[in-house]
Amino acid sequence: MATATTDPISVKLDQLFTATDTDGDGYVEWSDYQRVVDRYLKAYKIDKSDRRAQALLFSYQMQWAELLRHANGVNRLSKEQYHAASRAVSVDTSRFNMVEGVPHAIFDIMDTDGDNTISKAEFKQYLGVWDITDPAAMDAFAELDTDGDGSISRQEFIRAVREFFYSPDLEAPGSLFFGRLSS
């Protein structure tokens, strides 16, 4: 008897859905994204009027609008709708590039000292924003630091986000944002 294998991208989108569904009601709504933005601002002690806060909010608003557009205008997304819409938005860059827009805004928030890199301490704050407690997630820092210089550059971060959305390899550095995954 053959066992069904889960698509690796679906495994990653499952984890992203669960992390984004901040109220745990089984749906992703705008209020979930607003809570994510608020978590970033609180964790990194950034005022709502700061340009980085505005960029993060705007990028999540654009992502949300695109998710809804690809989900045919519903106001909240079930896990299945979220999967389908996320896949569509990640490849349709005609209006918004989700795989780059949001990550650049997140990187700007994470880079608290403005050196254009993410340190281990800055990465640990990021994990807290997403309530990620899996010890393997912190271990992922070394994997994301592909050049081994002790920090994650903007290029390494964006490449990792691309891997999260596009790579079927669950061991790729970008697949490790939420800790080790298994299909």
N, C-alpha and C. Protein backbone atom coordinates (compact mmCIF):
# COMPACT_ATOMS: atom_id res chain seq x y z
N MET A 1 0.85 -1.18 0.00
CA MET A 1 0.00 0.00 0.00
C MET A 1 0.89 1.24 0.00
N ALA A 2 0.68 2.09 -0.94
CA ALA A 2 1.49 3.31 -1.06
C ALA A 2 0.96 4.38 -0.11
N THR A 3 1.89 5.15 0.44
CA THR A 3 1.47 6.25 1.31
C THR A 3 1.54 7.55 0.52
N ALA A 4 0.62 8.42 0.81
CA ALA A 4 0.59 9.71 0.11
C ALA A 4 1.68 10.62 0.67
N THR A 5 2.35 11.29 -0.21
CA THR A 5 3.36 12.25 0.23
C THR A 5 2.77 13.65 0.10
N THR A 6 3.01 14.45 1.10
CA THR A 6 2.52 15.82 1.07
C THR A 6 3.50 16.68 0.29
N ASP A 7 2.94 17.53 -0.53
CA ASP A 7 3.74 18.48 -1.30
C ASP A 7 4.52 19.36 -0.33
N PRO A 8 5.85 19.47 -0.49
CA PRO A 8 6.66 20.27 0.44
C PRO A 8 6.23 21.74 0.55
N ILE A 9 5.79 22.33 -0.53
CA ILE A 9 5.34 23.72 -0.47
C ILE A 9 4.09 23.81 0.42
N SER A 10 3.21 22.82 0.32
CA SER A 10 2.03 22.79 1.18
C SER A 10 2.40 22.67 2.65
N VAL A 11 3.43 21.90 2.95
CA VAL A 11 3.90 21.76 4.33
C VAL A 11 4.31 23.14 4.86
N LYS A 12 5.05 23.87 4.05
CA LYS A 12 5.51 25.20 4.47
C LYS A 12 4.34 26.18 4.57
N LEU A 13 3.41 26.13 3.62
CA LEU A 13 2.25 27.02 3.68
C LEU A 13 1.35 26.69 4.87
N ASP A 14 1.28 25.41 5.25
CA ASP A 14 0.54 25.03 6.47
C ASP A 14 1.12 25.76 7.68
N GLN A 15 2.44 25.75 7.79
CA GLN A 15 3.07 26.41 8.94
C GLN A 15 2.86 27.92 8.88
N LEU A 16 2.95 28.50 7.70
CA LEU A 16 2.74 29.93 7.57
C LEU A 16 1.29 30.29 7.90
N PHE A 17 0.35 29.48 7.44
CA PHE A 17 -1.06 29.72 7.75
C PHE A 17 -1.28 29.69 9.26
N THR A 18 -0.76 28.68 9.91
CA THR A 18 -0.94 28.54 11.35
C THR A 18 -0.33 29.73 12.09
N ALA A 19 0.85 30.16 11.67
CA ALA A 19 1.51 31.30 12.32
C ALA A 19 0.75 32.60 12.05
N THR A 20 0.16 32.74 10.87
CA THR A 20 -0.55 33.96 10.50
C THR A 20 -1.94 34.02 11.13
N ASP A 21 -2.56 32.88 11.34
CA ASP A 21 -3.89 32.81 11.97
C ASP A 21 -3.71 33.10 13.47
N THR A 22 -3.48 34.36 13.79
CA THR A 22 -3.07 34.73 15.15
C THR A 22 -4.15 34.53 16.20
N ASP A 23 -5.42 34.48 15.79
CA ASP A 23 -6.47 34.24 16.78
C ASP A 23 -6.91 32.77 16.80
N GLY A 24 -6.32 31.95 15.93
CA GLY A 24 -6.57 30.52 15.95
C GLY A 24 -7.98 30.09 15.58
N ASP A 25 -8.67 30.91 14.78
CA ASP A 25 -10.05 30.57 14.43
C ASP A 25 -10.16 29.73 13.16
N GLY A 26 -9.01 29.35 12.57
CA GLY A 26 -9.05 28.53 11.37
C GLY A 26 -9.15 29.31 10.08
N TYR A 27 -9.08 30.63 10.17
CA TYR A 27 -9.13 31.50 9.00
C TYR A 27 -8.06 32.58 9.14
N VAL A 28 -7.58 33.06 8.00
CA VAL A 28 -6.71 34.23 8.00
C VAL A 28 -7.55 35.40 7.52
N GLU A 29 -7.55 36.45 8.32
CA GLU A 29 -8.29 37.68 8.01
C GLU A 29 -7.33 38.84 8.14
N TRP A 30 -7.77 40.04 7.70
CA TRP A 30 -6.91 41.21 7.82
C TRP A 30 -6.50 41.43 9.28
N SER A 31 -7.41 41.19 10.21
CA SER A 31 -7.08 41.41 11.63
C SER A 31 -5.90 40.56 12.07
N ASP A 32 -5.72 39.39 11.47
CA ASP A 32 -4.54 38.55 11.79
C ASP A 32 -3.27 39.25 11.33
N TYR A 33 -3.29 39.81 10.13
CA TYR A 33 -2.11 40.52 9.63
C TYR A 33 -1.84 41.77 10.47
N GLN A 34 -2.90 42.46 10.89
CA GLN A 34 -2.71 43.64 11.74
C GLN A 34 -2.03 43.24 13.04
N ARG A 35 -2.42 42.10 13.61
CA ARG A 35 -1.77 41.63 14.84
C ARG A 35 -0.30 41.28 14.59
N VAL A 36 0.01 40.71 13.42
CA VAL A 36 1.40 40.42 13.08
C VAL A 36 2.20 41.72 13.02
N VAL A 37 1.66 42.73 12.34
CA VAL A 37 2.34 44.03 12.26
C VAL A 37 2.54 44.58 13.67
N ASP A 38 1.51 44.53 14.50
CA ASP A 38 1.62 45.03 15.87
C ASP A 38 2.69 44.28 16.66
N ARG A 39 2.79 42.98 16.44
CA ARG A 39 3.83 42.19 17.12
C ARG A 39 5.23 42.67 16.73
N TYR A 40 5.42 42.92 15.44
CA TYR A 40 6.72 43.44 14.99
C TYR A 40 7.04 44.76 15.68
N LEU A 41 6.07 45.66 15.68
CA LEU A 41 6.31 46.98 16.24
C LEU A 41 6.61 46.90 17.74
N LYS A 42 5.90 46.02 18.43
CA LYS A 42 6.15 45.85 19.87
C LYS A 42 7.51 45.20 20.11
N ALA A 43 7.80 44.12 19.40
CA ALA A 43 9.06 43.40 19.62
C ALA A 43 10.28 44.25 19.33
N TYR A 44 10.18 45.07 18.29
CA TYR A 44 11.33 45.88 17.88
C TYR A 44 11.23 47.33 18.37
N LYS A 45 10.19 47.60 19.20
CA LYS A 45 10.00 48.92 19.81
C LYS A 45 10.02 50.04 18.75
N ILE A 46 9.15 49.87 17.77
CA ILE A 46 9.05 50.83 16.67
C ILE A 46 7.69 51.51 16.73
N ASP A 47 7.69 52.83 16.65
CA ASP A 47 6.46 53.61 16.66
C ASP A 47 5.71 53.44 15.34
N LYS A 48 4.39 53.48 15.41
CA LYS A 48 3.56 53.31 14.20
C LYS A 48 3.84 54.37 13.14
N SER A 49 4.34 55.52 13.55
CA SER A 49 4.61 56.58 12.58
C SER A 49 5.98 56.43 11.90
N ASP A 50 6.80 55.52 12.38
CA ASP A 50 8.12 55.28 11.78
C ASP A 50 7.95 54.78 10.34
N ARG A 51 8.82 55.21 9.45
CA ARG A 51 8.71 54.82 8.03
C ARG A 51 8.78 53.31 7.86
N ARG A 52 9.55 52.62 8.72
CA ARG A 52 9.64 51.16 8.62
C ARG A 52 8.31 50.51 8.99
N ALA A 53 7.64 51.07 9.99
CA ALA A 53 6.32 50.56 10.38
C ALA A 53 5.32 50.77 9.26
N GLN A 54 5.37 51.94 8.64
CA GLN A 54 4.47 52.25 7.54
C GLN A 54 4.72 51.33 6.35
N ALA A 55 5.99 51.07 6.06
CA ALA A 55 6.33 50.18 4.93
C ALA A 55 5.85 48.76 5.21
N LEU A 56 6.00 48.29 6.44
CA LEU A 56 5.55 46.95 6.79
C LEU A 56 4.03 46.85 6.66
N LEU A 57 3.33 47.84 7.22
CA LEU A 57 1.87 47.85 7.13
C LEU A 57 1.42 47.88 5.68
N PHE A 58 2.00 48.76 4.88
CA PHE A 58 1.63 48.88 3.47
C PHE A 58 1.89 47.57 2.72
N SER A 59 3.04 46.94 2.97
CA SER A 59 3.36 45.71 2.23
C SER A 59 2.39 44.58 2.61
N TYR A 60 2.03 44.50 3.89
CA TYR A 60 1.04 43.49 4.29
C TYR A 60 -0.35 43.83 3.73
N GLN A 61 -0.70 45.11 3.66
CA GLN A 61 -1.99 45.48 3.05
C GLN A 61 -2.03 45.08 1.58
N MET A 62 -0.92 45.31 0.87
CA MET A 62 -0.85 44.91 -0.54
C MET A 62 -0.94 43.39 -0.67
N GLN A 63 -0.21 42.69 0.19
CA GLN A 63 -0.27 41.23 0.14
C GLN A 63 -1.70 40.75 0.39
N TRP A 64 -2.35 41.31 1.39
CA TRP A 64 -3.73 40.92 1.71
C TRP A 64 -4.66 41.19 0.54
N ALA A 65 -4.53 42.35 -0.07
CA ALA A 65 -5.37 42.67 -1.23
C ALA A 65 -5.16 41.67 -2.36
N GLU A 66 -3.92 41.29 -2.58
CA GLU A 66 -3.63 40.32 -3.64
C GLU A 66 -4.13 38.93 -3.28
N LEU A 67 -4.00 38.54 -2.02
CA LEU A 67 -4.54 37.23 -1.61
C LEU A 67 -6.05 37.20 -1.86
N LEU A 68 -6.75 38.29 -1.47
CA LEU A 68 -8.20 38.34 -1.69
C LEU A 68 -8.54 38.33 -3.17
N ARG A 69 -7.75 39.03 -3.96
CA ARG A 69 -8.00 39.06 -5.41
C ARG A 69 -7.91 37.66 -5.99
N HIS A 70 -6.93 36.90 -5.55
CA HIS A 70 -6.76 35.54 -6.06
C HIS A 70 -7.71 34.54 -5.41
N ALA A 71 -8.38 34.96 -4.35
CA ALA A 71 -9.36 34.09 -3.69
C ALA A 71 -10.78 34.52 -4.06
N ASN A 72 -10.89 35.28 -5.12
CA ASN A 72 -12.19 35.72 -5.64
C ASN A 72 -12.99 36.56 -4.66
N GLY A 73 -12.29 37.43 -3.94
CA GLY A 73 -12.95 38.46 -3.16
C GLY A 73 -13.56 38.08 -1.83
N VAL A 74 -13.30 36.90 -1.31
CA VAL A 74 -13.80 36.58 0.02
C VAL A 74 -13.05 37.46 1.04
N ASN A 75 -13.62 37.61 2.23
CA ASN A 75 -13.00 38.49 3.23
C ASN A 75 -12.15 37.77 4.25
N ARG A 76 -12.16 36.45 4.22
CA ARG A 76 -11.30 35.66 5.09
C ARG A 76 -10.96 34.38 4.35
N LEU A 77 -9.82 33.81 4.68
CA LEU A 77 -9.34 32.66 3.92
C LEU A 77 -9.21 31.43 4.81
N SER A 78 -9.82 30.34 4.36
CA SER A 78 -9.61 29.05 5.01
C SER A 78 -8.19 28.59 4.65
N LYS A 79 -7.74 27.51 5.25
CA LYS A 79 -6.40 27.02 4.95
C LYS A 79 -6.27 26.68 3.46
N GLU A 80 -7.27 26.06 2.88
CA GLU A 80 -7.22 25.69 1.47
C GLU A 80 -7.19 26.94 0.58
N GLN A 81 -8.03 27.92 0.90
CA GLN A 81 -8.05 29.16 0.13
C GLN A 81 -6.72 29.90 0.28
N TYR A 82 -6.17 29.89 1.48
CA TYR A 82 -4.89 30.55 1.74
C TYR A 82 -3.79 29.90 0.91
N HIS A 83 -3.77 28.57 0.88
CA HIS A 83 -2.78 27.85 0.06
C HIS A 83 -2.88 28.27 -1.39
N ALA A 84 -4.08 28.19 -1.94
CA ALA A 84 -4.27 28.49 -3.36
C ALA A 84 -3.92 29.95 -3.67
N ALA A 85 -4.39 30.85 -2.83
CA ALA A 85 -4.12 32.27 -3.06
C ALA A 85 -2.63 32.59 -2.89
N SER A 86 -1.99 32.01 -1.89
CA SER A 86 -0.56 32.25 -1.67
C SER A 86 0.26 31.75 -2.85
N ARG A 87 -0.08 30.58 -3.36
CA ARG A 87 0.63 30.07 -4.52
C ARG A 87 0.45 31.00 -5.73
N ALA A 88 -0.78 31.46 -5.92
CA ALA A 88 -1.05 32.35 -7.06
C ALA A 88 -0.32 33.68 -6.90
N VAL A 89 -0.37 34.26 -5.71
CA VAL A 89 0.27 35.56 -5.48
C VAL A 89 1.79 35.44 -5.60
N SER A 90 2.34 34.32 -5.18
CA SER A 90 3.81 34.18 -5.22
C SER A 90 4.34 34.09 -6.65
N VAL A 91 3.50 33.69 -7.59
CA VAL A 91 3.96 33.63 -8.98
C VAL A 91 3.45 34.78 -9.83
N ASP A 92 2.35 35.42 -9.41
CA ASP A 92 1.81 36.56 -10.15
C ASP A 92 2.40 37.84 -9.58
N THR A 93 3.43 38.33 -10.22
CA THR A 93 4.08 39.55 -9.74
C THR A 93 3.67 40.77 -10.59
N SER A 94 2.55 40.64 -11.28
CA SER A 94 2.13 41.72 -12.17
C SER A 94 1.75 42.99 -11.41
N ARG A 95 1.28 42.84 -10.17
CA ARG A 95 0.88 44.02 -9.39
C ARG A 95 1.67 44.14 -8.09
N PHE A 96 2.09 43.04 -7.52
CA PHE A 96 2.79 43.07 -6.24
C PHE A 96 3.63 41.81 -6.13
N ASN A 97 4.88 41.98 -5.72
CA ASN A 97 5.77 40.83 -5.56
C ASN A 97 5.84 40.47 -4.09
N MET A 98 4.96 39.54 -3.68
CA MET A 98 4.86 39.12 -2.28
C MET A 98 6.18 38.55 -1.76
N VAL A 99 6.89 37.87 -2.63
CA VAL A 99 8.11 37.18 -2.20
C VAL A 99 9.26 38.17 -2.01
N GLU A 100 9.08 39.41 -2.41
CA GLU A 100 10.12 40.41 -2.18
C GLU A 100 9.61 41.60 -1.38
N GLY A 101 8.39 42.08 -1.64
CA GLY A 101 7.90 43.28 -0.98
C GLY A 101 7.83 43.15 0.53
N VAL A 102 7.11 42.16 1.01
CA VAL A 102 6.98 41.96 2.45
C VAL A 102 8.34 41.63 3.08
N PRO A 103 9.12 40.72 2.50
CA PRO A 103 10.42 40.41 3.13
C PRO A 103 11.38 41.60 3.25
N HIS A 104 11.38 42.49 2.27
CA HIS A 104 12.24 43.68 2.39
C HIS A 104 11.77 44.54 3.57
N ALA A 105 10.46 44.70 3.72
CA ALA A 105 9.93 45.49 4.84
C ALA A 105 10.25 44.81 6.17
N ILE A 106 10.14 43.49 6.22
CA ILE A 106 10.48 42.75 7.44
C ILE A 106 11.96 42.90 7.75
N PHE A 107 12.80 42.78 6.74
CA PHE A 107 14.24 42.92 6.94
C PHE A 107 14.56 44.29 7.54
N ASP A 108 13.93 45.34 7.02
CA ASP A 108 14.19 46.69 7.53
C ASP A 108 13.80 46.82 9.00
N ILE A 109 12.75 46.12 9.40
CA ILE A 109 12.34 46.12 10.82
C ILE A 109 13.36 45.34 11.64
N MET A 110 13.76 44.16 11.16
CA MET A 110 14.67 43.29 11.90
C MET A 110 16.05 43.90 12.09
N ASP A 111 16.50 44.66 11.13
CA ASP A 111 17.85 45.24 11.15
C ASP A 111 17.86 46.45 12.08
N THR A 112 17.84 46.20 13.37
CA THR A 112 17.68 47.28 14.35
C THR A 112 18.85 48.24 14.41
N ASP A 113 20.04 47.79 14.07
CA ASP A 113 21.20 48.68 14.14
C ASP A 113 21.55 49.31 12.79
N GLY A 114 20.77 49.00 11.76
CA GLY A 114 20.95 49.64 10.46
C GLY A 114 22.22 49.26 9.72
N ASP A 115 22.79 48.10 10.04
CA ASP A 115 24.03 47.69 9.36
C ASP A 115 23.78 46.83 8.12
N ASN A 116 22.51 46.71 7.71
CA ASN A 116 22.11 45.94 6.53
C ASN A 116 22.39 44.44 6.68
N THR A 117 22.44 43.98 7.92
CA THR A 117 22.54 42.55 8.21
C THR A 117 21.66 42.24 9.43
N ILE A 118 21.35 40.97 9.58
CA ILE A 118 20.58 40.52 10.73
C ILE A 118 21.51 39.68 11.62
N SER A 119 21.64 40.10 12.86
CA SER A 119 22.46 39.37 13.83
C SER A 119 21.64 38.25 14.45
N LYS A 120 22.29 37.40 15.24
CA LYS A 120 21.56 36.34 15.94
C LYS A 120 20.51 36.93 16.88
N ALA A 121 20.86 38.00 17.56
CA ALA A 121 19.91 38.63 18.49
C ALA A 121 18.70 39.18 17.74
N GLU A 122 18.94 39.81 16.59
CA GLU A 122 17.84 40.35 15.79
C GLU A 122 16.97 39.22 15.25
N PHE A 123 17.59 38.10 14.87
CA PHE A 123 16.84 36.95 14.37
C PHE A 123 16.00 36.34 15.49
N LYS A 124 16.55 36.31 16.70
CA LYS A 124 15.80 35.76 17.83
C LYS A 124 14.54 36.59 18.09
N GLN A 125 14.64 37.91 17.95
CA GLN A 125 13.45 38.76 18.08
C GLN A 125 12.41 38.39 17.03
N TYR A 126 12.86 38.15 15.81
CA TYR A 126 11.96 37.75 14.72
C TYR A 126 11.20 36.48 15.09
N LEU A 127 11.90 35.50 15.65
CA LEU A 127 11.24 34.25 16.04
C LEU A 127 10.16 34.52 17.09
N GLY A 128 10.44 35.47 17.99
CA GLY A 128 9.46 35.83 19.01
C GLY A 128 8.21 36.45 18.42
N VAL A 129 8.38 37.26 17.38
CA VAL A 129 7.23 37.87 16.71
C VAL A 129 6.26 36.79 16.24
N TRP A 130 6.80 35.72 15.73
CA TRP A 130 5.97 34.64 15.17
C TRP A 130 5.68 33.54 16.20
N ASP A 131 6.05 33.76 17.46
CA ASP A 131 5.84 32.75 18.52
C ASP A 131 6.47 31.41 18.16
N ILE A 132 7.64 31.47 17.53
CA ILE A 132 8.35 30.25 17.14
C ILE A 132 9.27 29.86 18.29
N THR A 133 9.01 28.69 18.85
CA THR A 133 9.80 28.24 20.00
C THR A 133 10.64 27.01 19.69
N ASP A 134 10.49 26.46 18.51
CA ASP A 134 11.26 25.28 18.12
C ASP A 134 12.74 25.64 18.14
N PRO A 135 13.55 24.96 18.97
CA PRO A 135 14.98 25.27 19.04
C PRO A 135 15.68 25.17 17.68
N ALA A 136 15.17 24.31 16.81
CA ALA A 136 15.76 24.15 15.48
C ALA A 136 15.62 25.44 14.67
N ALA A 137 14.61 26.25 14.98
CA ALA A 137 14.43 27.50 14.24
C ALA A 137 15.62 28.43 14.48
N MET A 138 16.11 28.51 15.73
CA MET A 138 17.29 29.34 16.00
C MET A 138 18.51 28.73 15.33
N ASP A 139 18.57 27.41 15.28
CA ASP A 139 19.67 26.75 14.58
C ASP A 139 19.67 27.11 13.10
N ALA A 140 18.50 27.47 12.58
CA ALA A 140 18.40 27.82 11.17
C ALA A 140 19.21 29.07 10.84
N PHE A 141 19.54 29.87 11.85
CA PHE A 141 20.32 31.09 11.60
C PHE A 141 21.58 30.75 10.81
N ALA A 142 22.31 29.72 11.25
CA ALA A 142 23.56 29.33 10.57
C ALA A 142 23.30 28.88 9.14
N GLU A 143 22.16 28.24 8.91
CA GLU A 143 21.81 27.80 7.56
C GLU A 143 21.48 29.00 6.66
N LEU A 144 20.79 29.98 7.23
CA LEU A 144 20.41 31.17 6.46
C LEU A 144 21.63 32.04 6.16
N ASP A 145 22.62 31.99 7.04
CA ASP A 145 23.88 32.71 6.85
C ASP A 145 24.75 31.90 5.89
N THR A 146 24.40 31.94 4.62
CA THR A 146 25.03 31.05 3.63
C THR A 146 26.51 31.34 3.40
N ASP A 147 26.96 32.56 3.67
CA ASP A 147 28.38 32.86 3.47
C ASP A 147 29.21 32.68 4.75
N GLY A 148 28.53 32.33 5.85
CA GLY A 148 29.23 32.00 7.10
C GLY A 148 29.90 33.18 7.79
N ASP A 149 29.43 34.41 7.55
CA ASP A 149 30.07 35.57 8.17
C ASP A 149 29.48 35.94 9.53
N GLY A 150 28.54 35.14 10.03
CA GLY A 150 27.97 35.39 11.35
C GLY A 150 26.75 36.29 11.35
N SER A 151 26.28 36.66 10.17
CA SER A 151 25.06 37.47 10.07
C SER A 151 24.33 37.10 8.78
N ILE A 152 23.07 37.50 8.71
CA ILE A 152 22.26 37.25 7.51
C ILE A 152 22.14 38.56 6.76
N SER A 153 22.66 38.59 5.55
CA SER A 153 22.57 39.79 4.72
C SER A 153 21.17 39.90 4.13
N ARG A 154 20.85 41.06 3.60
CA ARG A 154 19.56 41.25 2.92
C ARG A 154 19.42 40.23 1.79
N GLN A 155 20.48 40.05 1.02
CA GLN A 155 20.44 39.10 -0.10
C GLN A 155 20.16 37.68 0.40
N GLU A 156 20.81 37.28 1.47
CA GLU A 156 20.59 35.94 2.03
C GLU A 156 19.15 35.79 2.53
N PHE A 157 18.62 36.83 3.15
CA PHE A 157 17.26 36.80 3.68
C PHE A 157 16.23 36.67 2.56
N ILE A 158 16.37 37.50 1.53
CA ILE A 158 15.42 37.47 0.42
C ILE A 158 15.52 36.13 -0.33
N ARG A 159 16.74 35.64 -0.51
CA ARG A 159 16.91 34.34 -1.16
C ARG A 159 16.22 33.24 -0.35
N ALA A 160 16.32 33.32 0.96
CA ALA A 160 15.69 32.32 1.83
C ALA A 160 14.17 32.38 1.72
N VAL A 161 13.61 33.59 1.63
CA VAL A 161 12.16 33.70 1.47
C VAL A 161 11.73 33.10 0.14
N ARG A 162 12.50 33.35 -0.90
CA ARG A 162 12.19 32.72 -2.20
C ARG A 162 12.21 31.20 -2.06
N GLU A 163 13.19 30.67 -1.35
CA GLU A 163 13.26 29.22 -1.14
C GLU A 163 12.03 28.73 -0.39
N PHE A 164 11.58 29.51 0.58
CA PHE A 164 10.40 29.10 1.34
C PHE A 164 9.21 28.89 0.41
N PHE A 165 9.00 29.82 -0.50
CA PHE A 165 7.84 29.75 -1.38
C PHE A 165 8.03 28.86 -2.60
N TYR A 166 9.26 28.65 -3.04
CA TYR A 166 9.46 27.96 -4.32
C TYR A 166 10.20 26.63 -4.23
N SER A 167 11.03 26.43 -3.23
CA SER A 167 11.86 25.22 -3.20
C SER A 167 11.10 24.02 -2.61
N PRO A 168 11.13 22.90 -3.30
CA PRO A 168 10.51 21.69 -2.75
C PRO A 168 11.41 21.01 -1.70
N ASP A 169 12.60 21.54 -1.49
CA ASP A 169 13.56 20.96 -0.55
C ASP A 169 13.27 21.45 0.87
N LEU A 170 12.77 20.57 1.73
CA LEU A 170 12.45 20.96 3.10
C LEU A 170 13.69 21.21 3.95
N GLU A 171 14.87 20.88 3.42
CA GLU A 171 16.13 21.14 4.13
C GLU A 171 16.83 22.40 3.63
N ALA A 172 16.28 23.05 2.61
CA ALA A 172 16.86 24.29 2.09
C ALA A 172 16.79 25.34 3.20
N PRO A 173 17.78 26.22 3.29
CA PRO A 173 17.78 27.23 4.35
C PRO A 173 16.45 27.98 4.49
N GLY A 174 15.85 28.37 3.39
CA GLY A 174 14.59 29.10 3.45
C GLY A 174 13.42 28.30 3.96
N SER A 175 13.55 26.99 3.96
CA SER A 175 12.48 26.14 4.47
C SER A 175 12.51 26.03 5.99
N LEU A 176 13.53 26.61 6.60
CA LEU A 176 13.76 26.41 8.03
C LEU A 176 13.28 27.57 8.91
N PHE A 177 12.59 28.56 8.34
CA PHE A 177 12.15 29.72 9.12
C PHE A 177 11.35 29.32 10.36
N PHE A 178 10.58 28.25 10.28
CA PHE A 178 9.74 27.83 11.40
C PHE A 178 10.30 26.59 12.09
N GLY A 179 11.57 26.27 11.85
CA GLY A 179 12.18 25.07 12.38
C GLY A 179 12.19 23.98 11.33
N ARG A 180 12.69 22.82 11.69
CA ARG A 180 12.76 21.69 10.77
C ARG A 180 11.36 21.23 10.41
N LEU A 181 11.16 20.93 9.13
CA LEU A 181 9.87 20.47 8.63
C LEU A 181 9.98 19.04 8.15
N SER A 182 8.86 18.37 8.14
CA SER A 182 8.82 17.04 7.53
C SER A 182 7.52 16.90 6.77
N SER A 183 7.59 16.19 5.66
CA SER A 183 6.37 16.04 4.84
C SER A 183 5.55 14.87 5.30
